[in-house]
C-alpha atoms as a PDB file:
ATOM      1  CA  MET A   1     -69.741 -50.072  38.410  1.00  0.00           C
ATOM      2  CA  PRO A   2     -69.226 -53.875  38.418  1.00  0.00           C
ATOM      3  CA  TRP A   3     -72.177 -54.427  40.732  1.00  0.00           C
ATOM      4  CA  LEU A   4     -72.474 -58.171  40.146  1.00  0.00           C
ATOM      5  CA  ASP A   5     -68.830 -58.825  41.039  1.00  0.00           C
ATOM      6  CA  ILE A   6     -69.077 -56.627  44.121  1.00  0.00           C
ATOM      7  CA  GLU A   7     -72.271 -58.373  45.243  1.00  0.00           C
ATOM      8  CA  LYS A   8     -70.687 -61.807  44.871  1.00  0.00           C
ATOM      9  CA  ARG A   9     -67.557 -60.772  46.742  1.00  0.00           C
ATOM     10  CA  TYR A  10     -69.216 -59.040  49.687  1.00  0.00           C
ATOM     11  CA  ALA A  11     -72.650 -60.659  49.998  1.00  0.00           C
ATOM     12  CA  ALA A  12     -71.491 -62.364  53.199  1.00  0.00           C
ATOM     13  CA  LEU A  13     -71.198 -58.973  54.906  1.00  0.00           C
ATOM     14  CA  PHE A  14     -74.953 -58.477  54.882  1.00  0.00           C
ATOM     15  CA  THR A  15     -76.243 -61.920  55.792  1.00  0.00           C
ATOM     16  CA  ASN A  16     -77.999 -62.037  59.099  1.00  0.00           C
ATOM     17  CA  GLN A  17     -79.793 -65.055  60.510  1.00  0.00           C
ATOM     18  CA  LYS A  18     -81.846 -62.919  62.881  1.00  0.00           C
ATOM     19  CA  GLY A  19     -84.107 -59.929  62.449  1.00  0.00           C
ATOM     20  CA  ASN A  20     -85.043 -58.322  59.149  1.00  0.00           C
ATOM     21  CA  VAL A  21     -83.629 -59.353  55.797  1.00  0.00           C
ATOM     22  CA  ALA A  22     -80.346 -57.603  55.062  1.00  0.00           C
ATOM     23  CA  LYS A  23     -80.295 -54.862  52.453  1.00  0.00           C
ATOM     24  CA  PRO A  24     -78.468 -55.546  49.153  1.00  0.00           C
ATOM     25  CA  LEU A  25     -74.901 -54.345  49.051  1.00  0.00           C
ATOM     26  CA  ARG A  26     -75.643 -52.265  45.955  1.00  0.00           C
ATOM     27  CA  LEU A  27     -78.189 -50.281  47.975  1.00  0.00           C
ATOM     28  CA  ALA A  28     -75.839 -49.905  50.940  1.00  0.00           C
ATOM     29  CA  LEU A  29     -72.797 -48.921  48.902  1.00  0.00           C
ATOM     30  CA  GLY A  30     -74.884 -46.734  46.572  1.00  0.00           C
ATOM     31  CA  ALA A  31     -76.364 -44.866  49.545  1.00  0.00           C
ATOM     32  CA  CYS A  32     -72.887 -44.263  50.995  1.00  0.00           C
ATOM     33  CA  ILE A  33     -71.593 -42.998  47.628  1.00  0.00           C
ATOM     34  CA  ILE A  34     -74.607 -40.676  47.232  1.00  0.00           C
ATOM     35  CA  GLN A  35     -74.139 -39.313  50.764  1.00  0.00           C
ATOM     36  CA  ALA A  36     -70.424 -38.685  50.185  1.00  0.00           C
ATOM     37  CA  GLU A  37     -71.016 -37.083  46.788  1.00  0.00           C
ATOM     38  CA  TYR A  38     -73.772 -34.642  47.819  1.00  0.00           C
ATOM     39  CA  GLY A  39     -73.057 -34.195  51.538  1.00  0.00           C
ATOM     40  CA  TYR A  40     -76.509 -35.324  52.671  1.00  0.00           C
ATOM     41  CA  SER A  41     -77.355 -36.303  56.218  1.00  0.00           C
ATOM     42  CA  ASP A  42     -78.587 -39.842  56.886  1.00  0.00           C
ATOM     43  CA  GLU A  43     -82.221 -38.759  56.726  1.00  0.00           C
ATOM     44  CA  GLN A  44     -81.708 -36.626  53.617  1.00  0.00           C
ATOM     45  CA  THR A  45     -79.975 -39.527  51.852  1.00  0.00           C
ATOM     46  CA  ALA A  46     -82.937 -41.839  52.438  1.00  0.00           C
ATOM     47  CA  LEU A  47     -85.427 -39.169  51.311  1.00  0.00           C
ATOM     48  CA  GLN A  48     -83.439 -38.249  48.200  1.00  0.00           C
ATOM     49  CA  ILE A  49     -83.276 -41.892  47.122  1.00  0.00           C
ATOM     50  CA  GLN A  50     -87.022 -42.175  47.684  1.00  0.00           C
ATOM     51  CA  ASP A  51     -87.777 -39.149  45.479  1.00  0.00           C
ATOM     52  CA  ASN A  52     -85.163 -39.469  42.714  1.00  0.00           C
ATOM     53  CA  PRO A  53     -85.589 -42.197  40.030  1.00  0.00           C
ATOM     54  CA  TYR A  54     -81.959 -41.773  38.904  1.00  0.00           C
ATOM     55  CA  LEU A  55     -80.647 -42.474  42.390  1.00  0.00           C
ATOM     56  CA  GLN A  56     -82.969 -45.458  42.664  1.00  0.00           C
ATOM     57  CA  TYR A  57     -81.609 -46.828  39.396  1.00  0.00           C
ATOM     58  CA  PHE A  58     -78.063 -46.341  40.681  1.00  0.00           C
ATOM     59  CA  CYS A  59     -78.951 -48.254  43.863  1.00  0.00           C
ATOM     60  CA  GLY A  60     -80.384 -51.176  41.886  1.00  0.00           C
ATOM     61  CA  TYR A  61     -84.131 -50.640  42.258  1.00  0.00           C
ATOM     62  CA  PRO A  62     -86.194 -52.869  39.912  1.00  0.00           C
ATOM     63  CA  GLY A  63     -88.594 -49.963  39.329  1.00  0.00           C
ATOM     64  CA  TYR A  64     -89.448 -46.481  40.540  1.00  0.00           C
ATOM     65  CA  ASP A  65     -91.047 -46.393  43.985  1.00  0.00           C
ATOM     66  CA  ASP A  66     -91.711 -43.080  45.736  1.00  0.00           C
ATOM     67  CA  GLU A  67     -94.201 -44.361  48.300  1.00  0.00           C
ATOM     68  CA  HIS A  68     -91.881 -46.053  50.761  1.00  0.00           C
ATOM     69  CA  LEU A  69     -88.430 -45.416  52.171  1.00  0.00           C
ATOM     70  CA  SER A  70     -86.091 -48.150  51.019  1.00  0.00           C
ATOM     71  CA  PHE A  71     -84.406 -48.178  54.423  1.00  0.00           C
ATOM     72  CA  ASP A  72     -84.608 -46.405  57.751  1.00  0.00           C
ATOM     73  CA  PRO A  73     -82.144 -43.495  57.981  1.00  0.00           C
ATOM     74  CA  SER A  74     -80.568 -45.153  61.017  1.00  0.00           C
ATOM     75  CA  ALA A  75     -79.439 -48.006  58.713  1.00  0.00           C
ATOM     76  CA  MET A  76     -76.791 -45.655  57.296  1.00  0.00           C
ATOM     77  CA  VAL A  77     -74.829 -46.190  60.505  1.00  0.00           C
ATOM     78  CA  TYR A  78     -74.663 -49.942  59.832  1.00  0.00           C
ATOM     79  CA  PHE A  79     -73.831 -49.389  56.171  1.00  0.00           C
ATOM     80  CA  ARG A  80     -70.810 -47.284  57.102  1.00  0.00           C
ATOM     81  CA  LYS A  81     -69.795 -49.753  59.814  1.00  0.00           C
ATOM     82  CA  CYS A  82     -69.815 -52.697  57.392  1.00  0.00           C
ATOM     83  CA  LEU A  83     -68.121 -50.837  54.550  1.00  0.00           C
ATOM     84  CA  THR A  84     -64.798 -50.245  56.227  1.00  0.00           C
ATOM     85  CA  PRO A  85     -61.984 -48.334  54.471  1.00  0.00           C
ATOM     86  CA  GLU A  86     -60.300 -51.644  53.628  1.00  0.00           C
ATOM     87  CA  ILE A  87     -63.425 -52.969  51.941  1.00  0.00           C
ATOM     88  CA  VAL A  88     -64.036 -49.704  50.076  1.00  0.00           C
ATOM     89  CA  GLY A  89     -60.411 -49.796  48.884  1.00  0.00           C
ATOM     90  CA  GLU A  90     -60.860 -53.296  47.520  1.00  0.00           C
ATOM     91  CA  ILE A  91     -64.064 -52.228  45.779  1.00  0.00           C
ATOM     92  CA  ASN A  92     -62.146 -49.342  44.198  1.00  0.00           C
ATOM     93  CA  GLU A  93     -59.591 -51.830  42.879  1.00  0.00           C
ATOM     94  CA  MET A  94     -62.390 -53.904  41.339  1.00  0.00           C
ATOM     95  CA  ILE A  95     -63.795 -50.796  39.664  1.00  0.00           C
ATOM     96  CA  LEU A  96     -60.377 -49.816  38.286  1.00  0.00           C
ATOM     97  CA  ARG A  97     -59.816 -53.307  36.897  1.00  0.00           C
ATOM     98  CA  THR A  98     -63.207 -53.180  35.181  1.00  0.00           C
ATOM     99  CA  VAL A  99     -62.437 -49.788  33.622  1.00  0.00           C
ATOM    100  CA  ALA A 100     -59.021 -51.001  32.441  1.00  0.00           C
ATOM    101  CA  ALA A 101     -60.575 -54.110  30.890  1.00  0.00           C
ATOM    102  CA  GLU A 102     -63.178 -51.988  29.036  1.00  0.00           C
ATOM    103  CA  LYS A 103     -60.434 -49.707  27.680  1.00  0.00           C
ATOM    104  CA  ASN A 104     -58.505 -52.735  26.426  1.00  0.00           C
ATOM    105  CA  ASP A 105     -61.641 -54.044  24.710  1.00  0.00           C
ATOM    106  CA  ASP A 106     -62.175 -50.679  23.034  1.00  0.00           C
ATOM    107  CA  SER A 107     -58.567 -50.537  21.816  1.00  0.00           C
ATOM    108  CA  ASN A 108     -58.825 -54.083  20.438  1.00  0.00           C
ATOM    109  CA  ASP A 109     -62.001 -53.138  18.577  1.00  0.00           C
ATOM    110  CA  HIS A 110     -60.164 -50.239  16.917  1.00  0.00           C
ATOM    111  CA  LYS A 111     -57.230 -52.491  15.996  1.00  0.00           C
ATOM    112  CA  ASP A 112     -59.591 -55.012  14.432  1.00  0.00           C
ATOM    113  CA  GLY A 113     -61.142 -52.331  12.257  1.00  0.00           C
ATOM    114  CA  GLY A 114     -64.198 -51.740  14.425  1.00  0.00           C
ATOM    115  CA  ASN A 115     -66.320 -48.639  14.436  1.00  0.00           C
ATOM    116  CA  SER A 116     -64.767 -45.444  15.701  1.00  0.00           C
ATOM    117  CA  GLY A 117     -65.684 -41.809  16.053  1.00  0.00           C
ATOM    118  CA  THR A 118     -68.785 -40.134  17.468  1.00  0.00           C
ATOM    119  CA  MET A 119     -72.350 -40.975  16.537  1.00  0.00           C
ATOM    120  CA  ILE A 120     -75.214 -38.596  17.353  1.00  0.00           C
ATOM    121  CA  VAL A 121     -78.367 -40.626  17.908  1.00  0.00           C
ATOM    122  CA  TYR A 122     -80.748 -37.855  18.996  1.00  0.00           C
ATOM    123  CA  ALA A 123     -82.038 -36.236  15.814  1.00  0.00           C
ATOM    124  CA  ALA A 124     -82.941 -32.946  17.498  1.00  0.00           C
ATOM    125  CA  CYS A 125     -79.231 -32.443  18.295  1.00  0.00           C
ATOM    126  CA  ALA A 126     -77.930 -33.518  14.893  1.00  0.00           C
ATOM    127  CA  PRO A 127     -76.134 -30.720  13.005  1.00  0.00           C
ATOM    128  CA  SER A 128     -78.057 -29.537   9.969  1.00  0.00           C
ATOM    129  CA  HIS A 129     -76.523 -27.644   7.059  1.00  0.00           C
ATOM    130  CA  ILE A 130     -79.762 -27.406   5.077  1.00  0.00           C
ATOM    131  CA  ARG A 131     -81.162 -24.016   4.219  1.00  0.00           C
ATOM    132  CA  TYR A 132     -84.588 -23.797   2.703  1.00  0.00           C
ATOM    133  CA  PRO A 133     -85.729 -21.707  -0.287  1.00  0.00           C
ATOM    134  CA  GLN A 134     -87.602 -19.251   1.925  1.00  0.00           C
ATOM    135  CA  ASN A 135     -84.335 -18.421   3.672  1.00  0.00           C
ATOM    136  CA  ALA A 136     -83.428 -14.863   2.655  1.00  0.00           C
ATOM    137  CA  CYS A 137     -79.736 -15.619   3.211  1.00  0.00           C
ATOM    138  CA  LEU A 138     -79.575 -17.663   0.001  1.00  0.00           C
ATOM    139  CA  PRO A 139     -80.525 -14.900  -2.469  1.00  0.00           C
ATOM    140  CA  ASN A 140     -78.480 -12.415  -0.435  1.00  0.00           C
ATOM    141  CA  GLU A 141     -75.353 -14.579  -0.790  1.00  0.00           C
ATOM    142  CA  ALA A 142     -76.057 -15.105  -4.478  1.00  0.00           C
ATOM    143  CA  ARG A 143     -76.414 -11.343  -4.910  1.00  0.00           C
ATOM    144  CA  GLY A 144     -73.064 -10.825  -3.169  1.00  0.00           C
ATOM    145  CA  ASN A 145     -71.386 -13.372  -5.438  1.00  0.00           C
ATOM    146  CA  THR A 146     -72.764 -11.778  -8.590  1.00  0.00           C
ATOM    147  CA  ARG A 147     -71.567  -8.390  -7.325  1.00  0.00           C
ATOM    148  CA  LYS A 148     -68.036  -9.816  -7.005  1.00  0.00           C
ATOM    149  CA  ILE A 149     -68.286 -11.170 -10.536  1.00  0.00           C
ATOM    150  CA  LEU A 150     -69.348  -7.751 -11.849  1.00  0.00           C
ATOM    151  CA  ASP A 151     -66.423  -6.130 -10.053  1.00  0.00           C
ATOM    152  CA  GLU A 152     -64.024  -8.537 -11.785  1.00  0.00           C
ATOM    153  CA  LEU A 153     -65.678  -8.163 -15.190  1.00  0.00           C
ATOM    154  CA  HIS A 154     -65.738  -4.397 -15.202  1.00  0.00           C
ATOM    155  CA  ASN A 155     -63.243  -2.676 -17.422  1.00  0.00           C
ATOM    156  CA  PRO A 156     -62.776   1.056 -16.715  1.00  0.00           C
ATOM    157  CA  ALA A 157     -62.423   1.590 -20.449  1.00  0.00           C
ATOM    158  CA  ASP A 158     -66.050   0.526 -20.887  1.00  0.00           C
ATOM    159  CA  GLY A 159     -67.273   3.466 -18.912  1.00  0.00           C
ATOM    160  CA  ARG A 160     -69.438   3.438 -15.819  1.00  0.00           C
ATOM    161  CA  LYS A 161     -69.887   0.216 -13.841  1.00  0.00           C
ATOM    162  CA  PRO A 162     -73.414  -1.261 -13.931  1.00  0.00           C
ATOM    163  CA  ARG A 163     -75.499  -0.264 -10.957  1.00  0.00           C
ATOM    164  CA  THR A 164     -75.976  -3.069  -8.412  1.00  0.00           C
ATOM    165  CA  TYR A 165     -77.631  -1.101  -5.573  1.00  0.00           C
ATOM    166  CA  ARG A 166     -75.346  -2.958  -3.196  1.00  0.00           C
ATOM    167  CA  LYS A 167     -75.772  -0.541  -0.292  1.00  0.00           C
ATOM    168  CA  GLN A 168     -79.558  -0.535  -0.526  1.00  0.00           C
ATOM    169  CA  ALA A 169     -79.653  -4.334  -0.925  1.00  0.00           C
ATOM    170  CA  HIS A 170     -77.413  -4.809   2.104  1.00  0.00           C
ATOM    171  CA  LYS A 171     -79.525  -2.390   4.110  1.00  0.00           C
ATOM    172  CA  ASP A 172     -82.729  -4.249   3.186  1.00  0.00           C
ATOM    173  CA  PHE A 173     -81.236  -7.567   4.231  1.00  0.00           C
ATOM    174  CA  LEU A 174     -79.944  -6.237   7.563  1.00  0.00           C
ATOM    175  CA  GLN A 175     -83.310  -4.700   8.352  1.00  0.00           C
ATOM    176  CA  PHE A 176     -84.981  -8.058   7.721  1.00  0.00           C
ATOM    177  CA  SER A 177     -82.421 -10.219   9.528  1.00  0.00           C
ATOM    178  CA  ARG A 178     -82.471  -8.057  12.664  1.00  0.00           C
ATOM    179  CA  SER A 179     -86.221  -8.356  13.160  1.00  0.00           C
ATOM    180  CA  LYS A 180     -86.951 -10.920  15.887  1.00  0.00           C
ATOM    181  CA  LYS A 181     -90.376 -12.090  14.713  1.00  0.00           C
ATOM    182  CA  LYS A 182     -90.581 -12.608  10.959  1.00  0.00           C
ATOM    183  CA  THR A 183     -94.011 -13.114   9.445  1.00  0.00           C
ATOM    184  CA  ALA A 184     -94.566 -15.044   6.220  1.00  0.00           C
ATOM    185  CA  LYS A 185     -95.319 -11.778   4.430  1.00  0.00           C
ATOM    186  CA  GLN A 186     -92.048 -10.207   5.599  1.00  0.00           C
ATOM    187  CA  ILE A 187     -90.080 -13.271   4.479  1.00  0.00           C
ATOM    188  CA  ARG A 188     -91.652 -13.226   1.005  1.00  0.00           C
ATOM    189  CA  LYS A 189     -91.010  -9.508   0.685  1.00  0.00           C
ATOM    190  CA  ALA A 190     -87.354  -9.795   1.780  1.00  0.00           C
ATOM    191  CA  VAL A 191     -86.690 -12.743  -0.539  1.00  0.00           C
ATOM    192  CA  GLY A 192     -88.395 -10.933  -3.405  1.00  0.00           C
ATOM    193  CA  LYS A 193     -86.219  -7.858  -2.960  1.00  0.00           C
ATOM    194  CA  GLN A 194     -83.015  -9.874  -2.959  1.00  0.00           C
ATOM    195  CA  LEU A 195     -84.146 -11.815  -6.030  1.00  0.00           C
ATOM    196  CA  ASN A 196     -84.794  -8.537  -7.868  1.00  0.00           C
ATOM    197  CA  TYR A 197     -81.280  -7.306  -7.068  1.00  0.00           C
ATOM    198  CA  LEU A 198     -79.919 -10.689  -8.137  1.00  0.00           C
ATOM    199  CA  ALA A 199     -81.809 -10.615 -11.437  1.00  0.00           C
ATOM    200  CA  ARG A 200     -80.381  -7.157 -12.199  1.00  0.00           C
ATOM    201  CA  ASN A 201     -76.824  -8.387 -11.542  1.00  0.00           C
ATOM    202  CA  LEU A 202     -77.301 -11.514 -13.658  1.00  0.00           C
ATOM    203  CA  ALA A 203     -78.611  -9.411 -16.534  1.00  0.00           C
ATOM    204  CA  ALA A 204     -75.529  -7.190 -16.355  1.00  0.00           C
ATOM    205  CA  ILE A 205     -73.256 -10.262 -16.307  1.00  0.00           C
ATOM    206  CA  GLY A 206     -75.033 -11.706 -19.324  1.00  0.00           C
ATOM    207  CA  GLU A 207     -74.116  -8.649 -21.371  1.00  0.00           C
ATOM    208  CA  LYS A 208     -70.406  -9.616 -21.237  1.00  0.00           C
ATOM    209  CA  PRO A 209     -70.188 -13.341 -22.103  1.00  0.00           C
ATOM    210  CA  GLU A 210     -66.769 -13.095 -23.834  1.00  0.00           C
ATOM    211  CA  ARG A 211     -65.046 -11.432 -20.871  1.00  0.00           C
ATOM    212  CA  LEU A 212     -66.800 -13.851 -18.461  1.00  0.00           C
ATOM    213  CA  ARG A 213     -65.240 -16.845 -20.248  1.00  0.00           C
ATOM    214  CA  SER A 214     -61.796 -15.294 -20.231  1.00  0.00           C
ATOM    215  CA  LEU A 215     -61.925 -14.625 -16.505  1.00  0.00           C
ATOM    216  CA  GLU A 216     -63.482 -17.962 -15.488  1.00  0.00           C
ATOM    217  CA  PRO A 217     -60.450 -19.348 -13.496  1.00  0.00           C
ATOM    218  CA  ARG A 218     -59.996 -16.061 -11.663  1.00  0.00           C
ATOM    219  CA  LEU A 219     -63.713 -15.793 -10.854  1.00  0.00           C
ATOM    220  CA  THR A 220     -63.663 -19.319  -9.428  1.00  0.00           C
ATOM    221  CA  SER A 221     -60.964 -18.330  -6.930  1.00  0.00           C
ATOM    222  CA  VAL A 222     -62.866 -15.154  -6.038  1.00  0.00           C
ATOM    223  CA  LEU A 223     -66.080 -17.036  -5.266  1.00  0.00           C
END
């Protein structure tokens, strides 16, 4: 909202040589916009502005004040009388020109090599891809990867495939992940189980170093 330009253009509408000092146009126009947006009555509009710091900021208050009404509800009649449809239409044109000018400035900034994209400035909302060592998902994923490696390394001619206890390991992880409240003891126990399964798989992989080297490109695509 180009409040300064609107104030300069229409300040003469609210000058009165008699009676009380006229209300600022930002307050008058802001009250009319708030009433039209939310469907308040005249009295409700005045009370809502008194109670809501956001509405007070929109109406140009220098600070939050909930002790006094900024205007009598009957003043809404005079606000609407002064802000005729012709005046509101001209204000809309001023707003549209301001928006168009800001868009042109933004496009010029991009052409000149200015900053672009989206920046998140509130750290609590920033996306985080960090998983900590106590996260049981890490050893579970590592166990799954080593199981895939063992499946690729196994040669039926060598006999029986090394035992990986994949079903039991998956069952243990699901039982842990589905619990809503995880204590420190439960986390340590779940991580320890997955690490034991992982150690068994790594030991079985280490028994076939020659075949592991020969299948390295294929294992990379699998993982």
